[in-house]
Amino acid sequence: FAFSTTAMSDDTAYLLTKTFWEEKAALAGESRWWKAVDP
């Protein structure tokens, strides 16, 4: 997993997590290893 700590703000953690999942399809198109990642 990707981890952080409670020192990271909620807004930053939200933005990073949201962006990751929204870009996951593009990542999988670039490298096949991302295809195995799902919620």
PDB file of all heavy atoms in Angstrom:
ATOM      1  N   PHE A   1       0.829  -1.200   0.000  1.00  0.00           N
ATOM      2  CA  PHE A   1       0.000   0.000   0.000  1.00  0.00           C
ATOM      3  C   PHE A   1       0.864   1.251   0.000  1.00  0.00           C
ATOM      4  O   PHE A   1       2.044   1.210   0.355  1.00  0.00           O
ATOM      5  CB  PHE A   1      -0.882   0.029   1.252  1.00  0.00           C
ATOM      6  CG  PHE A   1      -2.198  -0.702   1.122  1.00  0.00           C
ATOM      7  CD1 PHE A   1      -2.227  -2.064   0.874  1.00  0.00           C
ATOM      8  CD2 PHE A   1      -3.403  -0.029   1.267  1.00  0.00           C
ATOM      9  CE1 PHE A   1      -3.423  -2.747   0.770  1.00  0.00           C
ATOM     10  CE2 PHE A   1      -4.605  -0.696   1.162  1.00  0.00           C
ATOM     11  CZ  PHE A   1      -4.627  -2.057   0.910  1.00  0.00           C
ATOM     12  N   ALA A   2       0.241   2.339  -0.397  1.00  0.00           N
ATOM     13  CA  ALA A   2       0.820   3.663  -0.182  1.00  0.00           C
ATOM     14  C   ALA A   2       0.272   4.177   1.139  1.00  0.00           C
ATOM     15  O   ALA A   2      -0.947   4.156   1.370  1.00  0.00           O
ATOM     16  CB  ALA A   2       0.461   4.604  -1.319  1.00  0.00           C
ATOM     17  N   PHE A   3       1.165   4.634   2.015  1.00  0.00           N
ATOM     18  CA  PHE A   3       0.782   5.120   3.339  1.00  0.00           C
ATOM     19  C   PHE A   3       1.236   6.559   3.534  1.00  0.00           C
ATOM     20  O   PHE A   3       2.159   7.037   2.882  1.00  0.00           O
ATOM     21  CB  PHE A   3       1.442   4.270   4.430  1.00  0.00           C
ATOM     22  CG  PHE A   3       0.995   2.847   4.479  1.00  0.00           C
ATOM     23  CD1 PHE A   3       1.708   1.850   3.812  1.00  0.00           C
ATOM     24  CD2 PHE A   3      -0.129   2.477   5.190  1.00  0.00           C
ATOM     25  CE1 PHE A   3       1.308   0.528   3.864  1.00  0.00           C
ATOM     26  CE2 PHE A   3      -0.551   1.157   5.250  1.00  0.00           C
ATOM     27  CZ  PHE A   3       0.174   0.182   4.586  1.00  0.00           C
ATOM     28  N   SER A   4       0.593   7.221   4.470  1.00  0.00           N
ATOM     29  CA  SER A   4       1.073   8.496   4.981  1.00  0.00           C
ATOM     30  C   SER A   4       0.881   8.454   6.491  1.00  0.00           C
ATOM     31  O   SER A   4       0.764   7.376   7.069  1.00  0.00           O
ATOM     32  CB  SER A   4       0.322   9.672   4.348  1.00  0.00           C
ATOM     33  OG  SER A   4       0.922  10.892   4.730  1.00  0.00           O
ATOM     34  N   THR A   5       0.834   9.608   7.118  1.00  0.00           N
ATOM     35  CA  THR A   5       0.569   9.667   8.552  1.00  0.00           C
ATOM     36  C   THR A   5      -0.509  10.709   8.809  1.00  0.00           C
ATOM     37  O   THR A   5      -0.920  11.439   7.901  1.00  0.00           O
ATOM     38  CB  THR A   5       1.830  10.051   9.356  1.00  0.00           C
ATOM     39  OG1 THR A   5       2.133  11.431   9.104  1.00  0.00           O
ATOM     40  CG2 THR A   5       3.018   9.188   8.970  1.00  0.00           C
ATOM     41  N   THR A   6      -0.952  10.793  10.040  1.00  0.00           N
ATOM     42  CA  THR A   6      -1.972  11.778  10.393  1.00  0.00           C
ATOM     43  C   THR A   6      -1.430  13.203  10.291  1.00  0.00           C
ATOM     44  O   THR A   6      -2.197  14.164  10.387  1.00  0.00           O
ATOM     45  CB  THR A   6      -2.503  11.529  11.814  1.00  0.00           C
ATOM     46  OG1 THR A   6      -1.392  11.460  12.727  1.00  0.00           O
ATOM     47  CG2 THR A   6      -3.273  10.222  11.880  1.00  0.00           C
ATOM     48  N   ALA A   7      -0.117  13.361  10.060  1.00  0.00           N
ATOM     49  CA  ALA A   7       0.449  14.696   9.861  1.00  0.00           C
ATOM     50  C   ALA A   7       0.042  15.278   8.509  1.00  0.00           C
ATOM     51  O   ALA A   7       0.098  16.491   8.313  1.00  0.00           O
ATOM     52  CB  ALA A   7       1.969  14.644   9.961  1.00  0.00           C
ATOM     53  N   MET A   8      -0.349  14.417   7.570  1.00  0.00           N
ATOM     54  CA  MET A   8      -0.855  14.897   6.281  1.00  0.00           C
ATOM     55  C   MET A   8      -2.281  15.390   6.465  1.00  0.00           C
ATOM     56  O   MET A   8      -3.092  14.754   7.148  1.00  0.00           O
ATOM     57  CB  MET A   8      -0.815  13.782   5.231  1.00  0.00           C
ATOM     58  CG  MET A   8      -1.442  14.172   3.892  1.00  0.00           C
ATOM     59  SD  MET A   8      -1.346  12.864   2.636  1.00  0.00           S
ATOM     60  CE  MET A   8       0.340  13.115   2.055  1.00  0.00           C
ATOM     61  N   SER A   9      -2.604  16.499   5.864  1.00  0.00           N
ATOM     62  CA  SER A   9      -3.951  17.058   6.008  1.00  0.00           C
ATOM     63  C   SER A   9      -4.978  16.162   5.320  1.00  0.00           C
ATOM     64  O   SER A   9      -4.663  15.444   4.363  1.00  0.00           O
ATOM     65  CB  SER A   9      -4.023  18.463   5.416  1.00  0.00           C
ATOM     66  OG  SER A   9      -4.022  18.418   3.991  1.00  0.00           O
ATOM     67  N   ASP A  10      -6.216  16.228   5.807  1.00  0.00           N
ATOM     68  CA  ASP A  10      -7.290  15.440   5.202  1.00  0.00           C
ATOM     69  C   ASP A  10      -7.492  15.823   3.741  1.00  0.00           C
ATOM     70  O   ASP A  10      -7.732  14.962   2.893  1.00  0.00           O
ATOM     71  CB  ASP A  10      -8.599  15.654   5.972  1.00  0.00           C
ATOM     72  CG  ASP A  10      -8.564  15.038   7.368  1.00  0.00           C
ATOM     73  OD1 ASP A  10      -7.521  14.444   7.729  1.00  0.00           O
ATOM     74  OD2 ASP A  10      -9.565  15.152   8.088  1.00  0.00           O
ATOM     75  N   ASP A  11      -7.392  17.106   3.442  1.00  0.00           N
ATOM     76  CA  ASP A  11      -7.611  17.563   2.062  1.00  0.00           C
ATOM     77  C   ASP A  11      -6.543  17.020   1.116  1.00  0.00           C
ATOM     78  O   ASP A  11      -6.844  16.630  -0.009  1.00  0.00           O
ATOM     79  CB  ASP A  11      -7.632  19.096   2.002  1.00  0.00           C
ATOM     80  CG  ASP A  11      -8.897  19.698   2.599  1.00  0.00           C
ATOM     81  OD1 ASP A  11      -9.884  18.948   2.770  1.00  0.00           O
ATOM     82  OD2 ASP A  11      -8.896  20.904   2.896  1.00  0.00           O
ATOM     83  N   THR A  12      -5.301  16.997   1.577  1.00  0.00           N
ATOM     84  CA  THR A  12      -4.224  16.485   0.729  1.00  0.00           C
ATOM     85  C   THR A  12      -4.376  14.980   0.512  1.00  0.00           C
ATOM     86  O   THR A  12      -4.209  14.481  -0.606  1.00  0.00           O
ATOM     87  CB  THR A  12      -2.852  16.792   1.347  1.00  0.00           C
ATOM     88  OG1 THR A  12      -2.706  18.205   1.473  1.00  0.00           O
ATOM     89  CG2 THR A  12      -1.724  16.252   0.472  1.00  0.00           C
ATOM     90  N   ALA A  13      -4.700  14.249   1.574  1.00  0.00           N
ATOM     91  CA  ALA A  13      -4.912  12.803   1.452  1.00  0.00           C
ATOM     92  C   ALA A  13      -6.089  12.511   0.532  1.00  0.00           C
ATOM     93  O   ALA A  13      -6.046  11.564  -0.275  1.00  0.00           O
ATOM     94  CB  ALA A  13      -5.152  12.194   2.829  1.00  0.00           C
ATOM     95  N   TYR A  14      -7.126  13.320   0.629  1.00  0.00           N
ATOM     96  CA  TYR A  14      -8.296  13.162  -0.243  1.00  0.00           C
ATOM     97  C   TYR A  14      -7.907  13.395  -1.701  1.00  0.00           C
ATOM     98  O   TYR A  14      -8.246  12.603  -2.588  1.00  0.00           O
ATOM     99  CB  TYR A  14      -9.385  14.151   0.178  1.00  0.00           C
ATOM    100  CG  TYR A  14     -10.573  14.218  -0.767  1.00  0.00           C
ATOM    101  CD1 TYR A  14     -11.625  13.313  -0.644  1.00  0.00           C
ATOM    102  CD2 TYR A  14     -10.643  15.181  -1.772  1.00  0.00           C
ATOM    103  CE1 TYR A  14     -12.717  13.367  -1.498  1.00  0.00           C
ATOM    104  CE2 TYR A  14     -11.730  15.250  -2.624  1.00  0.00           C
ATOM    105  CZ  TYR A  14     -12.759  14.347  -2.489  1.00  0.00           C
ATOM    106  OH  TYR A  14     -13.828  14.398  -3.349  1.00  0.00           O
ATOM    107  N   LEU A  15      -7.191  14.490  -1.952  1.00  0.00           N
ATOM    108  CA  LEU A  15      -6.790  14.831  -3.318  1.00  0.00           C
ATOM    109  C   LEU A  15      -5.911  13.741  -3.917  1.00  0.00           C
ATOM    110  O   LEU A  15      -6.117  13.325  -5.066  1.00  0.00           O
ATOM    111  CB  LEU A  15      -6.047  16.170  -3.323  1.00  0.00           C
ATOM    112  CG  LEU A  15      -5.407  16.602  -4.652  1.00  0.00           C
ATOM    113  CD1 LEU A  15      -6.483  16.842  -5.707  1.00  0.00           C
ATOM    114  CD2 LEU A  15      -4.563  17.867  -4.456  1.00  0.00           C
ATOM    115  N   LEU A  16      -4.952  13.264  -3.159  1.00  0.00           N
ATOM    116  CA  LEU A  16      -4.029  12.258  -3.665  1.00  0.00           C
ATOM    117  C   LEU A  16      -4.748  10.940  -3.955  1.00  0.00           C
ATOM    118  O   LEU A  16      -4.540  10.324  -5.007  1.00  0.00           O
ATOM    119  CB  LEU A  16      -2.905  12.036  -2.651  1.00  0.00           C
ATOM    120  CG  LEU A  16      -1.789  11.074  -3.047  1.00  0.00           C
ATOM    121  CD1 LEU A  16      -1.143  11.485  -4.365  1.00  0.00           C
ATOM    122  CD2 LEU A  16      -0.742  10.993  -1.946  1.00  0.00           C
ATOM    123  N   THR A  17      -5.613  10.519  -3.037  1.00  0.00           N
ATOM    124  CA  THR A  17      -6.341   9.258  -3.219  1.00  0.00           C
ATOM    125  C   THR A  17      -7.313   9.355  -4.392  1.00  0.00           C
ATOM    126  O   THR A  17      -7.388   8.447  -5.232  1.00  0.00           O
ATOM    127  CB  THR A  17      -7.106   8.894  -1.926  1.00  0.00           C
ATOM    128  OG1 THR A  17      -6.183   8.840  -0.835  1.00  0.00           O
ATOM    129  CG2 THR A  17      -7.811   7.558  -2.059  1.00  0.00           C
ATOM    130  N   LYS A  18      -8.036  10.440  -4.460  1.00  0.00           N
ATOM    131  CA  LYS A  18      -8.998  10.649  -5.541  1.00  0.00           C
ATOM    132  C   LYS A  18      -8.294  10.660  -6.898  1.00  0.00           C
ATOM    133  O   LYS A  18      -8.742  10.014  -7.858  1.00  0.00           O
ATOM    134  CB  LYS A  18      -9.744  11.969  -5.326  1.00  0.00           C
ATOM    135  CG  LYS A  18     -10.786  12.325  -6.388  1.00  0.00           C
ATOM    136  CD  LYS A  18     -11.521  13.607  -5.963  1.00  0.00           C
ATOM    137  CE  LYS A  18     -12.647  13.957  -6.943  1.00  0.00           C
ATOM    138  NZ  LYS A  18     -12.109  14.447  -8.244  1.00  0.00           N
ATOM    139  N   THR A  19      -7.175  11.367  -6.974  1.00  0.00           N
ATOM    140  CA  THR A  19      -6.440  11.465  -8.234  1.00  0.00           C
ATOM    141  C   THR A  19      -5.891  10.112  -8.654  1.00  0.00           C
ATOM    142  O   THR A  19      -5.927   9.754  -9.843  1.00  0.00           O
ATOM    143  CB  THR A  19      -5.290  12.487  -8.116  1.00  0.00           C
ATOM    144  OG1 THR A  19      -5.818  13.743  -7.687  1.00  0.00           O
ATOM    145  CG2 THR A  19      -4.589  12.672  -9.453  1.00  0.00           C
ATOM    146  N   PHE A  20      -5.397   9.338  -7.681  1.00  0.00           N
ATOM    147  CA  PHE A  20      -4.873   8.012  -8.016  1.00  0.00           C
ATOM    148  C   PHE A  20      -5.932   7.161  -8.698  1.00  0.00           C
ATOM    149  O   PHE A  20      -5.695   6.588  -9.771  1.00  0.00           O
ATOM    150  CB  PHE A  20      -4.361   7.289  -6.765  1.00  0.00           C
ATOM    151  CG  PHE A  20      -4.117   5.820  -7.003  1.00  0.00           C
ATOM    152  CD1 PHE A  20      -3.025   5.402  -7.745  1.00  0.00           C
ATOM    153  CD2 PHE A  20      -5.000   4.858  -6.514  1.00  0.00           C
ATOM    154  CE1 PHE A  20      -2.814   4.047  -7.991  1.00  0.00           C
ATOM    155  CE2 PHE A  20      -4.793   3.508  -6.762  1.00  0.00           C
ATOM    156  CZ  PHE A  20      -3.694   3.100  -7.504  1.00  0.00           C
ATOM    157  N   TRP A  21      -7.114   7.062  -8.089  1.00  0.00           N
ATOM    158  CA  TRP A  21      -8.137   6.187  -8.656  1.00  0.00           C
ATOM    159  C   TRP A  21      -8.671   6.719  -9.980  1.00  0.00           C
ATOM    160  O   TRP A  21      -8.998   5.935 -10.880  1.00  0.00           O
ATOM    161  CB  TRP A  21      -9.271   5.988  -7.650  1.00  0.00           C
ATOM    162  CG  TRP A  21      -8.859   5.106  -6.509  1.00  0.00           C
ATOM    163  CD1 TRP A  21      -8.628   5.468  -5.221  1.00  0.00           C
ATOM    164  CD2 TRP A  21      -8.584   3.696  -6.569  1.00  0.00           C
ATOM    165  NE1 TRP A  21      -8.243   4.392  -4.471  1.00  0.00           N
ATOM    166  CE2 TRP A  21      -8.211   3.287  -5.266  1.00  0.00           C
ATOM    167  CE3 TRP A  21      -8.629   2.749  -7.585  1.00  0.00           C
ATOM    168  CZ2 TRP A  21      -7.878   1.961  -4.966  1.00  0.00           C
ATOM    169  CZ3 TRP A  21      -8.300   1.425  -7.292  1.00  0.00           C
ATOM    170  CH2 TRP A  21      -7.934   1.043  -6.002  1.00  0.00           C
ATOM    171  N   GLU A  22      -8.747   8.029 -10.125  1.00  0.00           N
ATOM    172  CA  GLU A  22      -9.221   8.591 -11.385  1.00  0.00           C
ATOM    173  C   GLU A  22      -8.209   8.391 -12.506  1.00  0.00           C
ATOM    174  O   GLU A  22      -8.581   8.339 -13.682  1.00  0.00           O
ATOM    175  CB  GLU A  22      -9.531  10.079 -11.206  1.00  0.00           C
ATOM    176  CG  GLU A  22     -10.765  10.331 -10.348  1.00  0.00           C
ATOM    177  CD  GLU A  22     -11.073  11.807 -10.163  1.00  0.00           C
ATOM    178  OE1 GLU A  22     -10.200  12.640 -10.488  1.00  0.00           O
ATOM    179  OE2 GLU A  22     -12.185  12.124  -9.697  1.00  0.00           O
ATOM    180  N   GLU A  23      -6.930   8.270 -12.150  1.00  0.00           N
ATOM    181  CA  GLU A  23      -5.878   8.076 -13.157  1.00  0.00           C
ATOM    182  C   GLU A  23      -5.474   6.608 -13.301  1.00  0.00           C
ATOM    183  O   GLU A  23      -4.601   6.286 -14.114  1.00  0.00           O
ATOM    184  CB  GLU A  23      -4.638   8.893 -12.772  1.00  0.00           C
ATOM    185  CG  GLU A  23      -4.838  10.399 -12.822  1.00  0.00           C
ATOM    186  CD  GLU A  23      -5.141  10.882 -14.232  1.00  0.00           C
ATOM    187  OE1 GLU A  23      -4.386  10.523 -15.162  1.00  0.00           O
ATOM    188  OE2 GLU A  23      -6.138  11.611 -14.406  1.00  0.00           O
ATOM    189  N   LYS A  24      -6.123   5.717 -12.549  1.00  0.00           N
ATOM    190  CA  LYS A  24      -5.695   4.317 -12.545  1.00  0.00           C
ATOM    191  C   LYS A  24      -5.792   3.673 -13.926  1.00  0.00           C
ATOM    192  O   LYS A  24      -4.913   2.909 -14.345  1.00  0.00           O
ATOM    193  CB  LYS A  24      -6.514   3.523 -11.532  1.00  0.00           C
ATOM    194  CG  LYS A  24      -5.756   2.391 -10.849  1.00  0.00           C
ATOM    195  CD  LYS A  24      -5.762   1.091 -11.592  1.00  0.00           C
ATOM    196  CE  LYS A  24      -7.095   0.396 -11.590  1.00  0.00           C
ATOM    197  NZ  LYS A  24      -7.021  -0.959 -12.223  1.00  0.00           N
ATOM    198  N   ALA A  25      -6.845   3.981 -14.667  1.00  0.00           N
ATOM    199  CA  ALA A  25      -6.999   3.412 -16.016  1.00  0.00           C
ATOM    200  C   ALA A  25      -5.863   3.865 -16.926  1.00  0.00           C
ATOM    201  O   ALA A  25      -5.323   3.070 -17.710  1.00  0.00           O
ATOM    202  CB  ALA A  25      -8.348   3.810 -16.608  1.00  0.00           C
ATOM    203  N   ALA A  26      -5.488   5.126 -16.812  1.00  0.00           N
ATOM    204  CA  ALA A  26      -4.373   5.640 -17.620  1.00  0.00           C
ATOM    205  C   ALA A  26      -3.068   4.974 -17.210  1.00  0.00           C
ATOM    206  O   ALA A  26      -2.223   4.641 -18.060  1.00  0.00           O
ATOM    207  CB  ALA A  26      -4.273   7.154 -17.479  1.00  0.00           C
ATOM    208  N   LEU A  27      -2.886   4.756 -15.917  1.00  0.00           N
ATOM    209  CA  LEU A  27      -1.694   4.069 -15.434  1.00  0.00           C
ATOM    210  C   LEU A  27      -1.623   2.645 -15.982  1.00  0.00           C
ATOM    211  O   LEU A  27      -0.557   2.183 -16.419  1.00  0.00           O
ATOM    212  CB  LEU A  27      -1.687   4.027 -13.900  1.00  0.00           C
ATOM    213  CG  LEU A  27      -1.285   5.309 -13.169  1.00  0.00           C
ATOM    214  CD1 LEU A  27      -1.667   5.221 -11.695  1.00  0.00           C
ATOM    215  CD2 LEU A  27       0.219   5.561 -13.309  1.00  0.00           C
ATOM    216  N   ALA A  28      -2.761   1.944 -15.971  1.00  0.00           N
ATOM    217  CA  ALA A  28      -2.808   0.569 -16.473  1.00  0.00           C
ATOM    218  C   ALA A  28      -2.530   0.523 -17.973  1.00  0.00           C
ATOM    219  O   ALA A  28      -1.982  -0.459 -18.479  1.00  0.00           O
ATOM    220  CB  ALA A  28      -4.161  -0.059 -16.163  1.00  0.00           C
ATOM    221  N   GLY A  29      -2.910   1.592 -18.673  1.00  0.00           N
ATOM    222  CA  GLY A  29      -2.614   1.662 -20.095  1.00  0.00           C
ATOM    223  C   GLY A  29      -1.135   1.843 -20.367  1.00  0.00           C
ATOM    224  O   GLY A  29      -0.624   1.441 -21.413  1.00  0.00           O
ATOM    225  N   GLU A  30      -0.435   2.428 -19.404  1.00  0.00           N
ATOM    226  CA  GLU A  30       1.005   2.645 -19.543  1.00  0.00           C
ATOM    227  C   GLU A  30       1.802   1.420 -19.133  1.00  0.00           C
ATOM    228  O   GLU A  30       2.766   1.031 -19.799  1.00  0.00           O
ATOM    229  CB  GLU A  30       1.426   3.845 -18.694  1.00  0.00           C
ATOM    230  CG  GLU A  30       2.897   4.192 -18.788  1.00  0.00           C
ATOM    231  CD  GLU A  30       3.268   5.438 -17.997  1.00  0.00           C
ATOM    232  OE1 GLU A  30       2.360   6.098 -17.449  1.00  0.00           O
ATOM    233  OE2 GLU A  30       4.468   5.747 -17.926  1.00  0.00           O
ATOM    234  N   SER A  31       1.409   0.789 -18.012  1.00  0.00           N
ATOM    235  CA  SER A  31       2.105  -0.399 -17.506  1.00  0.00           C
ATOM    236  C   SER A  31       1.083  -1.394 -16.985  1.00  0.00           C
ATOM    237  O   SER A  31       0.230  -1.039 -16.160  1.00  0.00           O
ATOM    238  CB  SER A  31       3.081  -0.021 -16.378  1.00  0.00           C
ATOM    239  OG  SER A  31       4.126   0.792 -16.874  1.00  0.00           O
ATOM    240  N   ARG A  32       1.207  -2.638 -17.412  1.00  0.00           N
ATOM    241  CA  ARG A  32       0.178  -3.645 -17.108  1.00  0.00           C
ATOM    242  C   ARG A  32       0.066  -3.981 -15.631  1.00  0.00           C
ATOM    243  O   ARG A  32      -0.966  -4.496 -15.185  1.00  0.00           O
ATOM    244  CB  ARG A  32       0.455  -4.921 -17.905  1.00  0.00           C
ATOM    245  CG  ARG A  32       0.090  -4.813 -19.381  1.00  0.00           C
ATOM    246  CD  ARG A  32       0.288  -6.137 -20.083  1.00  0.00           C
ATOM    247  NE  ARG A  32       1.702  -6.498 -20.166  1.00  0.00           N
ATOM    248  CZ  ARG A  32       2.141  -7.710 -20.494  1.00  0.00           C
ATOM    249  NH1 ARG A  32       1.285  -8.685 -20.701  1.00  0.00           N
ATOM    250  NH2 ARG A  32       3.441  -7.948 -20.565  1.00  0.00           N
ATOM    251  N   TRP A  33       1.129  -3.709 -14.848  1.00  0.00           N
ATOM    252  CA  TRP A  33       1.058  -4.117 -13.433  1.00  0.00           C
ATOM    253  C   TRP A  33      -0.022  -3.366 -12.667  1.00  0.00           C
ATOM    254  O   TRP A  33      -0.485  -3.820 -11.629  1.00  0.00           O
ATOM    255  CB  TRP A  33       2.398  -3.987 -12.737  1.00  0.00           C
ATOM    256  CG  TRP A  33       3.188  -2.729 -12.971  1.00  0.00           C
ATOM    257  CD1 TRP A  33       2.749  -1.444 -12.889  1.00  0.00           C
ATOM    258  CD2 TRP A  33       4.580  -2.652 -13.313  1.00  0.00           C
ATOM    259  NE1 TRP A  33       3.774  -0.556 -13.145  1.00  0.00           N
ATOM    260  CE2 TRP A  33       4.912  -1.273 -13.410  1.00  0.00           C
ATOM    261  CE3 TRP A  33       5.575  -3.599 -13.527  1.00  0.00           C
ATOM    262  CZ2 TRP A  33       6.204  -0.837 -13.721  1.00  0.00           C
ATOM    263  CZ3 TRP A  33       6.847  -3.168 -13.827  1.00  0.00           C
ATOM    264  CH2 TRP A  33       7.152  -1.798 -13.932  1.00  0.00           C
ATOM    265  N   TRP A  34      -0.464  -2.203 -13.170  1.00  0.00           N
ATOM    266  CA  TRP A  34      -1.526  -1.459 -12.483  1.00  0.00           C
ATOM    267  C   TRP A  34      -2.900  -2.103 -12.668  1.00  0.00           C
ATOM    268  O   TRP A  34      -3.840  -1.795 -11.927  1.00  0.00           O
ATOM    269  CB  TRP A  34      -1.559  -0.019 -12.970  1.00  0.00           C
ATOM    270  CG  TRP A  34      -0.349   0.776 -12.612  1.00  0.00           C
ATOM    271  CD1 TRP A  34       0.688   1.129 -13.432  1.00  0.00           C
ATOM    272  CD2 TRP A  34      -0.019   1.323 -11.321  1.00  0.00           C
ATOM    273  NE1 TRP A  34       1.632   1.852 -12.743  1.00  0.00           N
ATOM    274  CE2 TRP A  34       1.229   1.991 -11.454  1.00  0.00           C
ATOM    275  CE3 TRP A  34      -0.661   1.314 -10.080  1.00  0.00           C
ATOM    276  CZ2 TRP A  34       1.843   2.641 -10.383  1.00  0.00           C
ATOM    277  CZ3 TRP A  34      -0.042   1.960  -9.014  1.00  0.00           C
ATOM    278  CH2 TRP A  34       1.187   2.616  -9.172  1.00  0.00           C
ATOM    279  N   LYS A  35      -3.030  -2.986 -13.655  1.00  0.00           N
ATOM    280  CA  LYS A  35      -4.339  -3.605 -13.918  1.00  0.00           C
ATOM    281  C   LYS A  35      -4.819  -4.442 -12.746  1.00  0.00           C
ATOM    282  O   LYS A  35      -6.028  -4.623 -12.560  1.00  0.00           O
ATOM    283  CB  LYS A  35      -4.270  -4.462 -15.184  1.00  0.00           C
ATOM    284  CG  LYS A  35      -4.110  -3.665 -16.471  1.00  0.00           C
ATOM    285  CD  LYS A  35      -4.116  -4.579 -17.692  1.00  0.00           C
ATOM    286  CE  LYS A  35      -3.979  -3.767 -18.982  1.00  0.00           C
ATOM    287  NZ  LYS A  35      -3.963  -4.636 -20.185  1.00  0.00           N
ATOM    288  N   ALA A  36      -3.883  -5.010 -11.989  1.00  0.00           N
ATOM    289  CA  ALA A  36      -4.265  -5.902 -10.885  1.00  0.00           C
ATOM    290  C   ALA A  36      -4.732  -5.139  -9.651  1.00  0.00           C
ATOM    291  O   ALA A  36      -5.180  -5.747  -8.680  1.00  0.00           O
ATOM    292  CB  ALA A  36      -3.085  -6.798 -10.519  1.00  0.00           C
ATOM    293  N   VAL A  37      -4.647  -3.810  -9.669  1.00  0.00           N
ATOM    294  CA  VAL A  37      -5.052  -3.007  -8.510  1.00  0.00           C
ATOM    295  C   VAL A  37      -6.534  -2.659  -8.625  1.00  0.00           C
ATOM    296  O   VAL A  37      -6.971  -2.088  -9.622  1.00  0.00           O
ATOM    297  CB  VAL A  37      -4.221  -1.714  -8.416  1.00  0.00           C
ATOM    298  CG1 VAL A  37      -4.677  -0.868  -7.221  1.00  0.00           C
ATOM    299  CG2 VAL A  37      -2.740  -2.041  -8.298  1.00  0.00           C
ATOM    300  N   ASP A  38      -7.300  -3.018  -7.626  1.00  0.00           N
ATOM    301  CA  ASP A  38      -8.713  -2.633  -7.591  1.00  0.00           C
ATOM    302  C   ASP A  38      -9.130  -2.381  -6.143  1.00  0.00           C
ATOM    303  O   ASP A  38      -8.421  -2.771  -5.207  1.00  0.00           O
ATOM    304  CB  ASP A  38      -9.608  -3.687  -8.253  1.00  0.00           C
ATOM    305  CG  ASP A  38      -9.541  -5.042  -7.557  1.00  0.00           C
ATOM    306  OD1 ASP A  38      -9.772  -5.103  -6.336  1.00  0.00           O
ATOM    307  OD2 ASP A  38      -9.270  -6.045  -8.228  1.00  0.00           O
ATOM    308  N   PRO A  39     -10.273  -1.713  -5.940  1.00  0.00           N
ATOM    309  CA  PRO A  39     -10.696  -1.360  -4.569  1.00  0.00           C
ATOM    310  C   PRO A  39     -10.868  -2.556  -3.636  1.00  0.00           C
ATOM    311  O   PRO A  39     -10.808  -2.396  -2.420  1.00  0.00           O
ATOM    312  CB  PRO A  39     -12.031  -0.631  -4.795  1.00  0.00           C
ATOM    313  CG  PRO A  39     -11.907  -0.054  -6.176  1.00  0.00           C
ATOM    314  CD  PRO A  39     -11.150  -1.098  -6.952  1.00  0.00           C
TER     315      PRO A  39
END
